[in-house]
PDB file of all heavy atoms in Angstrom:
ATOM      1  N   VAL A   1       0.839  -1.215  -0.009  1.00  0.00           N
ATOM      2  CA  VAL A   1       0.012  -0.001   0.006  1.00  0.00           C
ATOM      3  C   VAL A   1       0.862   1.244  -0.001  1.00  0.00           C
ATOM      4  O   VAL A   1       0.675   2.168  -0.825  1.00  0.00           O
ATOM      5  CB  VAL A   1      -0.949  -0.007   1.217  1.00  0.00           C
ATOM      6  CG1 VAL A   1      -1.753   1.286   1.270  1.00  0.00           C
ATOM      7  CG2 VAL A   1      -1.861  -1.225   1.153  1.00  0.00           C
ATOM      8  N   SER A   2       1.831   1.327   0.894  1.00  0.00           N
ATOM      9  CA  SER A   2       2.685   2.511   0.957  1.00  0.00           C
ATOM     10  C   SER A   2       3.655   2.571  -0.230  1.00  0.00           C
ATOM     11  O   SER A   2       4.035   3.668  -0.667  1.00  0.00           O
ATOM     12  CB  SER A   2       3.476   2.536   2.275  1.00  0.00           C
ATOM     13  OG  SER A   2       4.173   1.321   2.486  1.00  0.00           O
ATOM     14  N   GLN A   3       4.046   1.424  -0.768  1.00  0.00           N
ATOM     15  CA  GLN A   3       4.886   1.453  -1.965  1.00  0.00           C
ATOM     16  C   GLN A   3       4.159   2.049  -3.131  1.00  0.00           C
ATOM     17  O   GLN A   3       4.684   2.865  -3.889  1.00  0.00           O
ATOM     18  CB  GLN A   3       5.338   0.015  -2.299  1.00  0.00           C
ATOM     19  CG  GLN A   3       6.433  -0.489  -1.361  1.00  0.00           C
ATOM     20  CD  GLN A   3       6.790  -1.947  -1.657  1.00  0.00           C
ATOM     21  OE1 GLN A   3       6.449  -2.492  -2.706  1.00  0.00           O
ATOM     22  NE2 GLN A   3       7.477  -2.580  -0.738  1.00  0.00           N
ATOM     23  N   GLN A   4       2.881   1.674  -3.311  1.00  0.00           N
ATOM     24  CA  GLN A   4       2.108   2.240  -4.404  1.00  0.00           C
ATOM     25  C   GLN A   4       1.904   3.727  -4.235  1.00  0.00           C
ATOM     26  O   GLN A   4       1.931   4.490  -5.210  1.00  0.00           O
ATOM     27  CB  GLN A   4       0.759   1.515  -4.529  1.00  0.00           C
ATOM     28  CG  GLN A   4      -0.075   2.035  -5.688  1.00  0.00           C
ATOM     29  CD  GLN A   4      -1.297   1.199  -5.943  1.00  0.00           C
ATOM     30  OE1 GLN A   4      -1.227  -0.016  -5.955  1.00  0.00           O
ATOM     31  NE2 GLN A   4      -2.438   1.844  -6.113  1.00  0.00           N
ATOM     32  N   PHE A   5       1.681   4.186  -3.005  1.00  0.00           N
ATOM     33  CA  PHE A   5       1.492   5.596  -2.786  1.00  0.00           C
ATOM     34  C   PHE A   5       2.766   6.374  -3.098  1.00  0.00           C
ATOM     35  O   PHE A   5       2.729   7.498  -3.615  1.00  0.00           O
ATOM     36  CB  PHE A   5       1.062   5.831  -1.314  1.00  0.00           C
ATOM     37  CG  PHE A   5       0.285   7.122  -1.121  1.00  0.00           C
ATOM     38  CD1 PHE A   5      -1.015   7.223  -1.544  1.00  0.00           C
ATOM     39  CD2 PHE A   5       0.886   8.196  -0.525  1.00  0.00           C
ATOM     40  CE1 PHE A   5      -1.741   8.415  -1.367  1.00  0.00           C
ATOM     41  CE2 PHE A   5       0.207   9.396  -0.334  1.00  0.00           C
ATOM     42  CZ  PHE A   5      -1.116   9.495  -0.759  1.00  0.00           C
ATOM     43  N   ALA A   6       3.919   5.775  -2.782  1.00  0.00           N
ATOM     44  CA  ALA A   6       5.198   6.424  -3.135  1.00  0.00           C
ATOM     45  C   ALA A   6       5.366   6.516  -4.645  1.00  0.00           C
ATOM     46  O   ALA A   6       5.864   7.526  -5.171  1.00  0.00           O
ATOM     47  CB  ALA A   6       6.367   5.666  -2.524  1.00  0.00           C
ATOM     48  N   ILE A   7       4.964   5.461  -5.388  1.00  0.00           N
ATOM     49  CA  ILE A   7       5.021   5.501  -6.835  1.00  0.00           C
ATOM     50  C   ILE A   7       4.121   6.607  -7.364  1.00  0.00           C
ATOM     51  O   ILE A   7       4.454   7.328  -8.315  1.00  0.00           O
ATOM     52  CB  ILE A   7       4.651   4.117  -7.417  1.00  0.00           C
ATOM     53  CG1 ILE A   7       5.670   3.073  -7.015  1.00  0.00           C
ATOM     54  CG2 ILE A   7       4.511   4.205  -8.936  1.00  0.00           C
ATOM     55  CD1 ILE A   7       5.287   1.670  -7.414  1.00  0.00           C
ATOM     56  N   THR A   8       2.926   6.750  -6.771  1.00  0.00           N
ATOM     57  CA  THR A   8       2.018   7.813  -7.205  1.00  0.00           C
ATOM     58  C   THR A   8       2.628   9.195  -6.985  1.00  0.00           C
ATOM     59  O   THR A   8       2.500  10.091  -7.816  1.00  0.00           O
ATOM     60  CB  THR A   8       0.704   7.695  -6.420  1.00  0.00           C
ATOM     61  OG1 THR A   8       0.215   6.370  -6.466  1.00  0.00           O
ATOM     62  CG2 THR A   8      -0.355   8.599  -7.039  1.00  0.00           C
ATOM     63  N   ARG A   9       3.323   9.357  -5.877  1.00  0.00           N
ATOM     64  CA  ARG A   9       3.999  10.634  -5.610  1.00  0.00           C
ATOM     65  C   ARG A   9       5.069  10.913  -6.679  1.00  0.00           C
ATOM     66  O   ARG A   9       5.229  12.042  -7.161  1.00  0.00           O
ATOM     67  CB  ARG A   9       4.633  10.631  -4.224  1.00  0.00           C
ATOM     68  CG  ARG A   9       3.604  10.662  -3.099  1.00  0.00           C
ATOM     69  CD  ARG A   9       4.336  10.602  -1.745  1.00  0.00           C
ATOM     70  NE  ARG A   9       5.234  11.742  -1.624  1.00  0.00           N
ATOM     71  CZ  ARG A   9       6.322  11.758  -0.851  1.00  0.00           C
ATOM     72  NH1 ARG A   9       6.620  10.677  -0.112  1.00  0.00           N
ATOM     73  NH2 ARG A   9       7.076  12.813  -0.774  1.00  0.00           N
ATOM     74  N   ALA A  10       5.796   9.873  -7.058  1.00  0.00           N
ATOM     75  CA  ALA A  10       6.806  10.039  -8.120  1.00  0.00           C
ATOM     76  C   ALA A  10       6.149  10.458  -9.423  1.00  0.00           C
ATOM     77  O   ALA A  10       6.678  11.330 -10.159  1.00  0.00           O
ATOM     78  CB  ALA A  10       7.577   8.720  -8.317  1.00  0.00           C
ATOM     79  N   ARG A  11       4.978   9.908  -9.754  1.00  0.00           N
ATOM     80  CA  ARG A  11       4.273  10.290 -10.976  1.00  0.00           C
ATOM     81  C   ARG A  11       3.778  11.742 -10.900  1.00  0.00           C
ATOM     82  O   ARG A  11       3.829  12.463 -11.910  1.00  0.00           O
ATOM     83  CB  ARG A  11       3.073   9.372 -11.196  1.00  0.00           C
ATOM     84  CG  ARG A  11       3.433   7.910 -11.420  1.00  0.00           C
ATOM     85  CD  ARG A  11       4.418   7.751 -12.546  1.00  0.00           C
ATOM     86  NE  ARG A  11       4.729   6.339 -12.805  1.00  0.00           N
ATOM     87  CZ  ARG A  11       5.670   5.939 -13.637  1.00  0.00           C
ATOM     88  NH1 ARG A  11       6.405   6.810 -14.313  1.00  0.00           N
ATOM     89  NH2 ARG A  11       5.922   4.659 -13.840  1.00  0.00           N
ATOM     90  N   ALA A  12       3.353  12.177  -9.720  1.00  0.00           N
ATOM     91  CA  ALA A  12       2.962  13.581  -9.592  1.00  0.00           C
ATOM     92  C   ALA A  12       4.126  14.505  -9.847  1.00  0.00           C
ATOM     93  O   ALA A  12       4.014  15.538 -10.500  1.00  0.00           O
ATOM     94  CB  ALA A  12       2.373  13.822  -8.206  1.00  0.00           C
ATOM     95  N   MET A  13       5.304  14.145  -9.313  1.00  0.00           N
ATOM     96  CA  MET A  13       6.488  14.994  -9.468  1.00  0.00           C
ATOM     97  C   MET A  13       6.993  15.022 -10.910  1.00  0.00           C
ATOM     98  O   MET A  13       7.416  16.054 -11.402  1.00  0.00           O
ATOM     99  CB  MET A  13       7.588  14.532  -8.499  1.00  0.00           C
ATOM    100  CG  MET A  13       7.297  14.927  -7.072  1.00  0.00           C
ATOM    101  SD  MET A  13       8.692  14.515  -5.949  1.00  0.00           S
ATOM    102  CE  MET A  13       8.210  12.855  -5.475  1.00  0.00           C
ATOM    103  N   GLU A  14       6.994  13.888 -11.569  1.00  0.00           N
ATOM    104  CA  GLU A  14       7.551  13.888 -12.935  1.00  0.00           C
ATOM    105  C   GLU A  14       6.613  14.508 -13.951  1.00  0.00           C
ATOM    106  O   GLU A  14       7.067  15.070 -14.953  1.00  0.00           O
ATOM    107  CB  GLU A  14       7.928  12.477 -13.371  1.00  0.00           C
ATOM    108  CG  GLU A  14       6.836  11.543 -13.689  1.00  0.00           C
ATOM    109  CD  GLU A  14       7.336  10.208 -14.248  1.00  0.00           C
ATOM    110  OE1 GLU A  14       8.504  10.126 -14.686  1.00  0.00           O
ATOM    111  OE2 GLU A  14       6.561   9.246 -14.239  1.00  0.00           O
ATOM    112  N   THR A  15       5.284  14.487 -13.705  1.00  0.00           N
ATOM    113  CA  THR A  15       4.334  15.104 -14.606  1.00  0.00           C
ATOM    114  C   THR A  15       3.983  16.522 -14.157  1.00  0.00           C
ATOM    115  O   THR A  15       3.408  17.288 -14.942  1.00  0.00           O
ATOM    116  CB  THR A  15       3.043  14.301 -14.683  1.00  0.00           C
ATOM    117  OG1 THR A  15       2.431  14.227 -13.385  1.00  0.00           O
ATOM    118  CG2 THR A  15       3.285  12.886 -15.194  1.00  0.00           C
ATOM    119  N   ARG A  16       4.334  16.876 -12.926  1.00  0.00           N
ATOM    120  CA  ARG A  16       3.957  18.160 -12.328  1.00  0.00           C
ATOM    121  C   ARG A  16       2.441  18.360 -12.440  1.00  0.00           C
ATOM    122  O   ARG A  16       1.934  19.421 -12.794  1.00  0.00           O
ATOM    123  CB  ARG A  16       4.706  19.316 -12.988  1.00  0.00           C
ATOM    124  CG  ARG A  16       6.167  19.440 -12.535  1.00  0.00           C
ATOM    125  CD  ARG A  16       6.261  19.739 -11.029  1.00  0.00           C
ATOM    126  NE  ARG A  16       7.608  20.111 -10.595  1.00  0.00           N
ATOM    127  CZ  ARG A  16       8.375  19.365  -9.819  1.00  0.00           C
ATOM    128  NH1 ARG A  16       7.964  18.187  -9.412  1.00  0.00           N
ATOM    129  NH2 ARG A  16       9.564  19.812  -9.444  1.00  0.00           N
ATOM    130  N   ARG A  17       1.726  17.306 -12.070  1.00  0.00           N
ATOM    131  CA  ARG A  17       0.272  17.338 -12.002  1.00  0.00           C
ATOM    132  C   ARG A  17      -0.200  16.873 -10.630  1.00  0.00           C
ATOM    133  O   ARG A  17       0.364  15.925 -10.066  1.00  0.00           O
ATOM    134  CB  ARG A  17      -0.344  16.383 -13.050  1.00  0.00           C
ATOM    135  CG  ARG A  17       0.057  16.641 -14.509  1.00  0.00           C
ATOM    136  CD  ARG A  17      -0.643  17.860 -15.052  1.00  0.00           C
ATOM    137  NE  ARG A  17      -0.295  18.090 -16.457  1.00  0.00           N
ATOM    138  CZ  ARG A  17      -1.065  17.745 -17.490  1.00  0.00           C
ATOM    139  NH1 ARG A  17      -2.224  17.124 -17.291  1.00  0.00           N
ATOM    140  NH2 ARG A  17      -0.704  18.047 -18.733  1.00  0.00           N
ATOM    141  N   GLU A  18      -1.199  17.560 -10.097  1.00  0.00           N
ATOM    142  CA  GLU A  18      -1.847  17.061  -8.894  1.00  0.00           C
ATOM    143  C   GLU A  18      -2.530  15.742  -9.215  1.00  0.00           C
ATOM    144  O   GLU A  18      -3.032  15.537 -10.316  1.00  0.00           O
ATOM    145  CB  GLU A  18      -2.883  18.069  -8.360  1.00  0.00           C
ATOM    146  CG  GLU A  18      -2.316  19.353  -7.843  1.00  0.00           C
ATOM    147  CD  GLU A  18      -2.056  20.399  -8.924  1.00  0.00           C
ATOM    148  OE1 GLU A  18      -2.317  20.088 -10.130  1.00  0.00           O
ATOM    149  OE2 GLU A  18      -1.637  21.528  -8.600  1.00  0.00           O
ATOM    150  N   ILE A  19      -2.546  14.838  -8.253  1.00  0.00           N
ATOM    151  CA  ILE A  19      -3.194  13.538  -8.464  1.00  0.00           C
ATOM    152  C   ILE A  19      -4.168  13.274  -7.288  1.00  0.00           C
ATOM    153  O   ILE A  19      -3.783  13.343  -6.141  1.00  0.00           O
ATOM    154  CB  ILE A  19      -2.157  12.407  -8.549  1.00  0.00           C
ATOM    155  CG1 ILE A  19      -1.211  12.634  -9.750  1.00  0.00           C
ATOM    156  CG2 ILE A  19      -2.850  11.065  -8.651  1.00  0.00           C
ATOM    157  CD1 ILE A  19      -0.185  11.526  -9.939  1.00  0.00           C
ATOM    158  N   ALA A  20      -5.396  12.944  -7.673  1.00  0.00           N
ATOM    159  CA  ALA A  20      -6.397  12.520  -6.682  1.00  0.00           C
ATOM    160  C   ALA A  20      -6.460  10.991  -6.722  1.00  0.00           C
ATOM    161  O   ALA A  20      -6.564  10.398  -7.800  1.00  0.00           O
ATOM    162  CB  ALA A  20      -7.758  13.090  -7.030  1.00  0.00           C
ATOM    163  N   VAL A  21      -6.355  10.382  -5.552  1.00  0.00           N
ATOM    164  CA  VAL A  21      -6.321   8.932  -5.438  1.00  0.00           C
ATOM    165  C   VAL A  21      -7.503   8.436  -4.621  1.00  0.00           C
ATOM    166  O   VAL A  21      -7.722   8.895  -3.502  1.00  0.00           O
ATOM    167  CB  VAL A  21      -4.999   8.465  -4.754  1.00  0.00           C
ATOM    168  CG1 VAL A  21      -4.929   6.935  -4.693  1.00  0.00           C
ATOM    169  CG2 VAL A  21      -3.790   9.042  -5.442  1.00  0.00           C
ATOM    170  N   ALA A  22      -8.274   7.503  -5.180  1.00  0.00           N
ATOM    171  CA  ALA A  22      -9.346   6.863  -4.441  1.00  0.00           C
ATOM    172  C   ALA A  22      -9.111   5.364  -4.396  1.00  0.00           C
ATOM    173  O   ALA A  22      -8.886   4.744  -5.435  1.00  0.00           O
ATOM    174  CB  ALA A  22     -10.708   7.181  -5.086  1.00  0.00           C
ATOM    175  N   THR A  23      -9.105   4.802  -3.205  1.00  0.00           N
ATOM    176  CA  THR A  23      -8.999   3.357  -3.038  1.00  0.00           C
ATOM    177  C   THR A  23     -10.170   2.868  -2.242  1.00  0.00           C
ATOM    178  O   THR A  23     -10.876   3.641  -1.559  1.00  0.00           O
ATOM    179  CB  THR A  23      -7.673   2.983  -2.322  1.00  0.00           C
ATOM    180  OG1 THR A  23      -7.759   3.445  -0.959  1.00  0.00           O
ATOM    181  CG2 THR A  23      -6.481   3.612  -3.000  1.00  0.00           C
ATOM    182  N   THR A  24     -10.376   1.560  -2.257  1.00  0.00           N
ATOM    183  CA  THR A  24     -11.535   1.000  -1.556  1.00  0.00           C
ATOM    184  C   THR A  24     -11.404   1.125  -0.058  1.00  0.00           C
ATOM    185  O   THR A  24     -12.373   1.460   0.632  1.00  0.00           O
ATOM    186  CB  THR A  24     -11.710  -0.486  -1.923  1.00  0.00           C
ATOM    187  OG1 THR A  24     -10.432  -1.160  -1.805  1.00  0.00           O
ATOM    188  CG2 THR A  24     -12.229  -0.640  -3.347  1.00  0.00           C
ATOM    189  N   ASN A  25     -10.172   0.873   0.485  1.00  0.00           N
ATOM    190  CA  ASN A  25     -10.047   0.983   1.942  1.00  0.00           C
ATOM    191  C   ASN A  25      -8.663   1.452   2.376  1.00  0.00           C
ATOM    192  O   ASN A  25      -8.208   1.148   3.452  1.00  0.00           O
ATOM    193  CB  ASN A  25     -10.380  -0.332   2.629  1.00  0.00           C
ATOM    194  CG  ASN A  25      -9.335  -1.399   2.439  1.00  0.00           C
ATOM    195  OD1 ASN A  25      -8.582  -1.376   1.480  1.00  0.00           O
ATOM    196  ND2 ASN A  25      -9.279  -2.345   3.363  1.00  0.00           N
ATOM    197  N   GLY A  26      -7.961   2.197   1.524  1.00  0.00           N
ATOM    198  CA  GLY A  26      -6.708   2.836   1.925  1.00  0.00           C
ATOM    199  C   GLY A  26      -5.554   2.367   1.040  1.00  0.00           C
ATOM    200  O   GLY A  26      -5.511   1.233   0.634  1.00  0.00           O
ATOM    201  N   VAL A  27      -4.670   3.305   0.713  1.00  0.00           N
ATOM    202  CA  VAL A  27      -4.653   4.674   1.173  1.00  0.00           C
ATOM    203  C   VAL A  27      -5.139   5.586   0.054  1.00  0.00           C
ATOM    204  O   VAL A  27      -4.553   5.584  -1.023  1.00  0.00           O
ATOM    205  CB  VAL A  27      -3.238   5.080   1.622  1.00  0.00           C
ATOM    206  CG1 VAL A  27      -3.205   6.561   2.011  1.00  0.00           C
ATOM    207  CG2 VAL A  27      -2.743   4.243   2.775  1.00  0.00           C
ATOM    208  N   SER A  28      -6.223   6.323   0.287  1.00  0.00           N
ATOM    209  CA  SER A  28      -6.666   7.362  -0.627  1.00  0.00           C
ATOM    210  C   SER A  28      -5.967   8.660  -0.243  1.00  0.00           C
ATOM    211  O   SER A  28      -5.459   8.810   0.854  1.00  0.00           O
ATOM    212  CB  SER A  28      -8.182   7.535  -0.571  1.00  0.00           C
ATOM    213  OG  SER A  28      -8.875   6.348  -0.856  1.00  0.00           O
ATOM    214  N   GLY A  29      -5.927   9.587  -1.197  1.00  0.00           N
ATOM    215  CA  GLY A  29      -5.257  10.842  -0.873  1.00  0.00           C
ATOM    216  C   GLY A  29      -5.277  11.834  -1.981  1.00  0.00           C
ATOM    217  O   GLY A  29      -5.813  11.611  -3.079  1.00  0.00           O
ATOM    218  N   PHE A  30      -4.668  12.980  -1.714  1.00  0.00           N
ATOM    219  CA  PHE A  30      -4.489  14.021  -2.719  1.00  0.00           C
ATOM    220  C   PHE A  30      -3.035  14.480  -2.636  1.00  0.00           C
ATOM    221  O   PHE A  30      -2.526  14.866  -1.586  1.00  0.00           O
ATOM    222  CB  PHE A  30      -5.412  15.214  -2.418  1.00  0.00           C
ATOM    223  CG  PHE A  30      -5.304  16.331  -3.403  1.00  0.00           C
ATOM    224  CD1 PHE A  30      -5.480  16.091  -4.763  1.00  0.00           C
ATOM    225  CD2 PHE A  30      -5.010  17.624  -3.002  1.00  0.00           C
ATOM    226  CE1 PHE A  30      -5.357  17.118  -5.685  1.00  0.00           C
ATOM    227  CE2 PHE A  30      -4.878  18.644  -3.906  1.00  0.00           C
ATOM    228  CZ  PHE A  30      -5.056  18.396  -5.282  1.00  0.00           C
ATOM    229  N   ILE A  31      -2.369  14.401  -3.783  1.00  0.00           N
ATOM    230  CA  ILE A  31      -0.943  14.692  -3.870  1.00  0.00           C
ATOM    231  C   ILE A  31      -0.717  15.920  -4.724  1.00  0.00           C
ATOM    232  O   ILE A  31      -1.236  16.003  -5.851  1.00  0.00           O
ATOM    233  CB  ILE A  31      -0.193  13.477  -4.489  1.00  0.00           C
ATOM    234  CG1 ILE A  31      -0.446  12.218  -3.640  1.00  0.00           C
ATOM    235  CG2 ILE A  31       1.297  13.751  -4.598  1.00  0.00           C
ATOM    236  CD1 ILE A  31       0.008  10.957  -4.303  1.00  0.00           C
ATOM    237  N   GLY A  32       0.060  16.874  -4.197  1.00  0.00           N
ATOM    238  CA  GLY A  32       0.362  18.076  -4.934  1.00  0.00           C
ATOM    239  C   GLY A  32       1.340  17.808  -6.060  1.00  0.00           C
ATOM    240  O   GLY A  32       1.991  16.745  -6.094  1.00  0.00           O
ATOM    241  N   ARG A  33       1.474  18.730  -6.956  1.00  0.00           N
ATOM    242  CA  ARG A  33       2.367  18.496  -8.126  1.00  0.00           C
ATOM    243  C   ARG A  33       3.831  18.449  -7.721  1.00  0.00           C
ATOM    244  O   ARG A  33       4.679  18.067  -8.544  1.00  0.00           O
ATOM    245  CB  ARG A  33       2.121  19.543  -9.202  1.00  0.00           C
ATOM    246  CG  ARG A  33       2.387  20.994  -8.769  1.00  0.00           C
ATOM    247  CD  ARG A  33       2.213  21.895  -9.975  1.00  0.00           C
ATOM    248  NE  ARG A  33       2.297  23.300  -9.597  1.00  0.00           N
ATOM    249  CZ  ARG A  33       2.427  24.297 -10.476  1.00  0.00           C
ATOM    250  NH1 ARG A  33       2.504  24.033 -11.770  1.00  0.00           N
ATOM    251  NH2 ARG A  33       2.483  25.554 -10.078  1.00  0.00           N
ATOM    252  N   ASP A  34       4.156  18.843  -6.519  1.00  0.00           N
ATOM    253  CA  ASP A  34       5.510  18.728  -6.005  1.00  0.00           C
ATOM    254  C   ASP A  34       5.717  17.431  -5.236  1.00  0.00           C
ATOM    255  O   ASP A  34       6.777  17.216  -4.658  1.00  0.00           O
ATOM    256  CB  ASP A  34       5.850  19.921  -5.115  1.00  0.00           C
ATOM    257  CG  ASP A  34       4.891  20.042  -3.937  1.00  0.00           C
ATOM    258  OD1 ASP A  34       3.928  19.283  -3.838  1.00  0.00           O
ATOM    259  OD2 ASP A  34       5.129  20.959  -3.096  1.00  0.00           O
ATOM    260  N   GLY A  35       4.713  16.567  -5.256  1.00  0.00           N
ATOM    261  CA  GLY A  35       4.818  15.267  -4.579  1.00  0.00           C
ATOM    262  C   GLY A  35       4.437  15.288  -3.118  1.00  0.00           C
ATOM    263  O   GLY A  35       4.457  14.239  -2.463  1.00  0.00           O
ATOM    264  N   GLN A  36       4.112  16.462  -2.595  1.00  0.00           N
ATOM    265  CA  GLN A  36       3.722  16.543  -1.186  1.00  0.00           C
ATOM    266  C   GLN A  36       2.277  16.039  -0.971  1.00  0.00           C
ATOM    267  O   GLN A  36       1.403  16.275  -1.790  1.00  0.00           O
ATOM    268  CB  GLN A  36       3.835  17.968  -0.682  1.00  0.00           C
ATOM    269  CG  GLN A  36       5.252  18.522  -0.707  1.00  0.00           C
ATOM    270  CD  GLN A  36       6.220  17.681   0.119  1.00  0.00           C
ATOM    271  OE1 GLN A  36       5.974  17.382   1.282  1.00  0.00           O
ATOM    272  NE2 GLN A  36       7.326  17.255  -0.513  1.00  0.00           N
ATOM    273  N   VAL A  37       2.099  15.306   0.114  1.00  0.00           N
ATOM    274  CA  VAL A  37       0.783  14.739   0.419  1.00  0.00           C
ATOM    275  C   VAL A  37      -0.043  15.794   1.129  1.00  0.00           C
ATOM    276  O   VAL A  37       0.276  16.211   2.261  1.00  0.00           O
ATOM    277  CB  VAL A  37       0.912  13.473   1.276  1.00  0.00           C
ATOM    278  CG1 VAL A  37      -0.448  12.894   1.586  1.00  0.00           C
ATOM    279  CG2 VAL A  37       1.785  12.425   0.598  1.00  0.00           C
ATOM    280  N   GLU A  38      -1.124  16.228   0.495  1.00  0.00           N
ATOM    281  CA  GLU A  38      -1.970  17.262   1.069  1.00  0.00           C
ATOM    282  C   GLU A  38      -3.171  16.727   1.824  1.00  0.00           C
ATOM    283  O   GLU A  38      -3.771  17.442   2.630  1.00  0.00           O
ATOM    284  CB  GLU A  38      -2.436  18.222  -0.059  1.00  0.00           C
ATOM    285  CG  GLU A  38      -1.240  18.898  -0.784  1.00  0.00           C
ATOM    286  CD  GLU A  38      -1.666  19.898  -1.814  1.00  0.00           C
ATOM    287  OE1 GLU A  38      -2.857  20.273  -1.809  1.00  0.00           O
ATOM    288  OE2 GLU A  38      -0.815  20.331  -2.601  1.00  0.00           O
ATOM    289  N   TRP A  39      -3.534  15.507   1.554  1.00  0.00           N
ATOM    290  CA  TRP A  39      -4.621  14.834   2.293  1.00  0.00           C
ATOM    291  C   TRP A  39      -4.452  13.346   2.111  1.00  0.00           C
ATOM    292  O   TRP A  39      -4.065  12.875   1.042  1.00  0.00           O
ATOM    293  CB  TRP A  39      -5.992  15.272   1.759  1.00  0.00           C
ATOM    294  CG  TRP A  39      -7.146  14.586   2.467  1.00  0.00           C
ATOM    295  CD1 TRP A  39      -7.681  14.918   3.685  1.00  0.00           C
ATOM    296  CD2 TRP A  39      -7.935  13.483   1.966  1.00  0.00           C
ATOM    297  NE1 TRP A  39      -8.735  14.070   3.996  1.00  0.00           N
ATOM    298  CE2 TRP A  39      -8.913  13.199   2.949  1.00  0.00           C
ATOM    299  CE3 TRP A  39      -7.878  12.752   0.801  1.00  0.00           C
ATOM    300  CZ2 TRP A  39      -9.846  12.164   2.787  1.00  0.00           C
ATOM    301  CZ3 TRP A  39      -8.805  11.711   0.634  1.00  0.00           C
ATOM    302  CH2 TRP A  39      -9.781  11.443   1.641  1.00  0.00           C
ATOM    303  N   LYS A  40      -4.705  12.586   3.174  1.00  0.00           N
ATOM    304  CA  LYS A  40      -4.453  11.172   3.119  1.00  0.00           C
ATOM    305  C   LYS A  40      -5.358  10.464   4.138  1.00  0.00           C
ATOM    306  O   LYS A  40      -5.551  10.942   5.255  1.00  0.00           O
ATOM    307  CB  LYS A  40      -2.979  10.877   3.442  1.00  0.00           C
ATOM    308  CG  LYS A  40      -2.541   9.434   3.375  1.00  0.00           C
ATOM    309  CD  LYS A  40      -1.040   9.357   3.659  1.00  0.00           C
ATOM    310  CE  LYS A  40      -0.549   7.927   3.638  1.00  0.00           C
ATOM    311  NZ  LYS A  40       0.919   7.851   3.956  1.00  0.00           N
ATOM    312  N   THR A  41      -5.893   9.313   3.730  1.00  0.00           N
ATOM    313  CA  THR A  41      -6.757   8.550   4.629  1.00  0.00           C
ATOM    314  C   THR A  41      -5.919   7.486   5.392  1.00  0.00           C
ATOM    315  O   THR A  41      -4.783   7.203   5.060  1.00  0.00           O
ATOM    316  CB  THR A  41      -7.840   7.799   3.875  1.00  0.00           C
ATOM    317  OG1 THR A  41      -7.232   6.798   3.059  1.00  0.00           O
ATOM    318  CG2 THR A  41      -8.619   8.754   2.989  1.00  0.00           C
ATOM    319  N   ALA A  42      -6.531   6.918   6.386  1.00  0.00           N
ATOM    320  CA  ALA A  42      -5.973   5.743   7.044  1.00  0.00           C
ATOM    321  C   ALA A  42      -6.481   4.496   6.316  1.00  0.00           C
ATOM    322  O   ALA A  42      -7.451   4.541   5.556  1.00  0.00           O
ATOM    323  CB  ALA A  42      -6.408   5.714   8.497  1.00  0.00           C
ATOM    324  N   GLU A  43      -5.833   3.376   6.540  1.00  0.00           N
ATOM    325  CA  GLU A  43      -6.295   2.123   5.974  1.00  0.00           C
ATOM    326  C   GLU A  43      -7.477   1.597   6.760  1.00  0.00           C
ATOM    327  O   GLU A  43      -7.680   1.898   7.936  1.00  0.00           O
ATOM    328  CB  GLU A  43      -5.184   1.063   5.992  1.00  0.00           C
ATOM    329  CG  GLU A  43      -4.020   1.360   5.046  1.00  0.00           C
ATOM    330  CD  GLU A  43      -3.026   0.208   5.014  1.00  0.00           C
ATOM    331  OE1 GLU A  43      -3.453  -0.918   4.690  1.00  0.00           O
ATOM    332  OE2 GLU A  43      -1.842   0.466   5.278  1.00  0.00           O
ATOM    333  N   ARG A  44      -8.303   0.791   6.067  1.00  0.00           N
ATOM    334  CA  ARG A  44      -9.454   0.096   6.654  1.00  0.00           C
ATOM    335  C   ARG A  44     -10.438   1.054   7.321  1.00  0.00           C
ATOM    336  O   ARG A  44     -10.964   0.783   8.417  1.00  0.00           O
ATOM    337  CB  ARG A  44      -8.978  -0.968   7.650  1.00  0.00           C
ATOM    338  CG  ARG A  44      -8.120  -2.036   7.006  1.00  0.00           C
ATOM    339  CD  ARG A  44      -7.511  -2.971   8.052  1.00  0.00           C
ATOM    340  NE  ARG A  44      -6.721  -4.043   7.401  1.00  0.00           N
ATOM    341  CZ  ARG A  44      -5.887  -4.830   8.046  1.00  0.00           C
ATOM    342  NH1 ARG A  44      -5.734  -4.694   9.352  1.00  0.00           N
ATOM    343  NH2 ARG A  44      -5.204  -5.760   7.414  1.00  0.00           N
ATOM    344  N   THR A  45     -10.675   2.165   6.671  1.00  0.00           N
ATOM    345  CA  THR A  45     -11.627   3.137   7.166  1.00  0.00           C
ATOM    346  C   THR A  45     -12.453   3.657   5.997  1.00  0.00           C
ATOM    347  O   THR A  45     -12.074   3.521   4.835  1.00  0.00           O
ATOM    348  CB  THR A  45     -10.968   4.328   7.849  1.00  0.00           C
ATOM    349  OG1 THR A  45     -10.114   5.001   6.918  1.00  0.00           O
ATOM    350  CG2 THR A  45     -10.158   3.910   9.072  1.00  0.00           C
ATOM    351  N   ALA A  46     -13.599   4.249   6.319  1.00  0.00           N
ATOM    352  CA  ALA A  46     -14.364   4.995   5.310  1.00  0.00           C
ATOM    353  C   ALA A  46     -14.051   6.494   5.524  1.00  0.00           C
ATOM    354  O   ALA A  46     -14.016   6.977   6.653  1.00  0.00           O
ATOM    355  CB  ALA A  46     -15.850   4.749   5.495  1.00  0.00           C
ATOM    356  N   ASP A  47     -13.807   7.205   4.416  1.00  0.00           N
ATOM    357  CA  ASP A  47     -13.465   8.599   4.524  1.00  0.00           C
ATOM    358  C   ASP A  47     -13.712   9.275   3.166  1.00  0.00           C
ATOM    359  O   ASP A  47     -13.851   8.602   2.146  1.00  0.00           O
ATOM    360  CB  ASP A  47     -11.990   8.770   4.900  1.00  0.00           C
ATOM    361  CG  ASP A  47     -11.715  10.067   5.631  1.00  0.00           C
ATOM    362  OD1 ASP A  47     -12.590  10.945   5.628  1.00  0.00           O
ATOM    363  OD2 ASP A  47     -10.589  10.212   6.175  1.00  0.00           O
TER     364      ASP A  47
END
């Protein structure tokens, strides 16, 4: 789960695009174009 989120951050940085991530039970989040995590859920929760 955390490995995939790190890969997503790398994609945000190389494309310089914000990325919205939705998963069934974690980790969902919103990543800025600089790769910084601006919002993130916990695992096994609804949010």
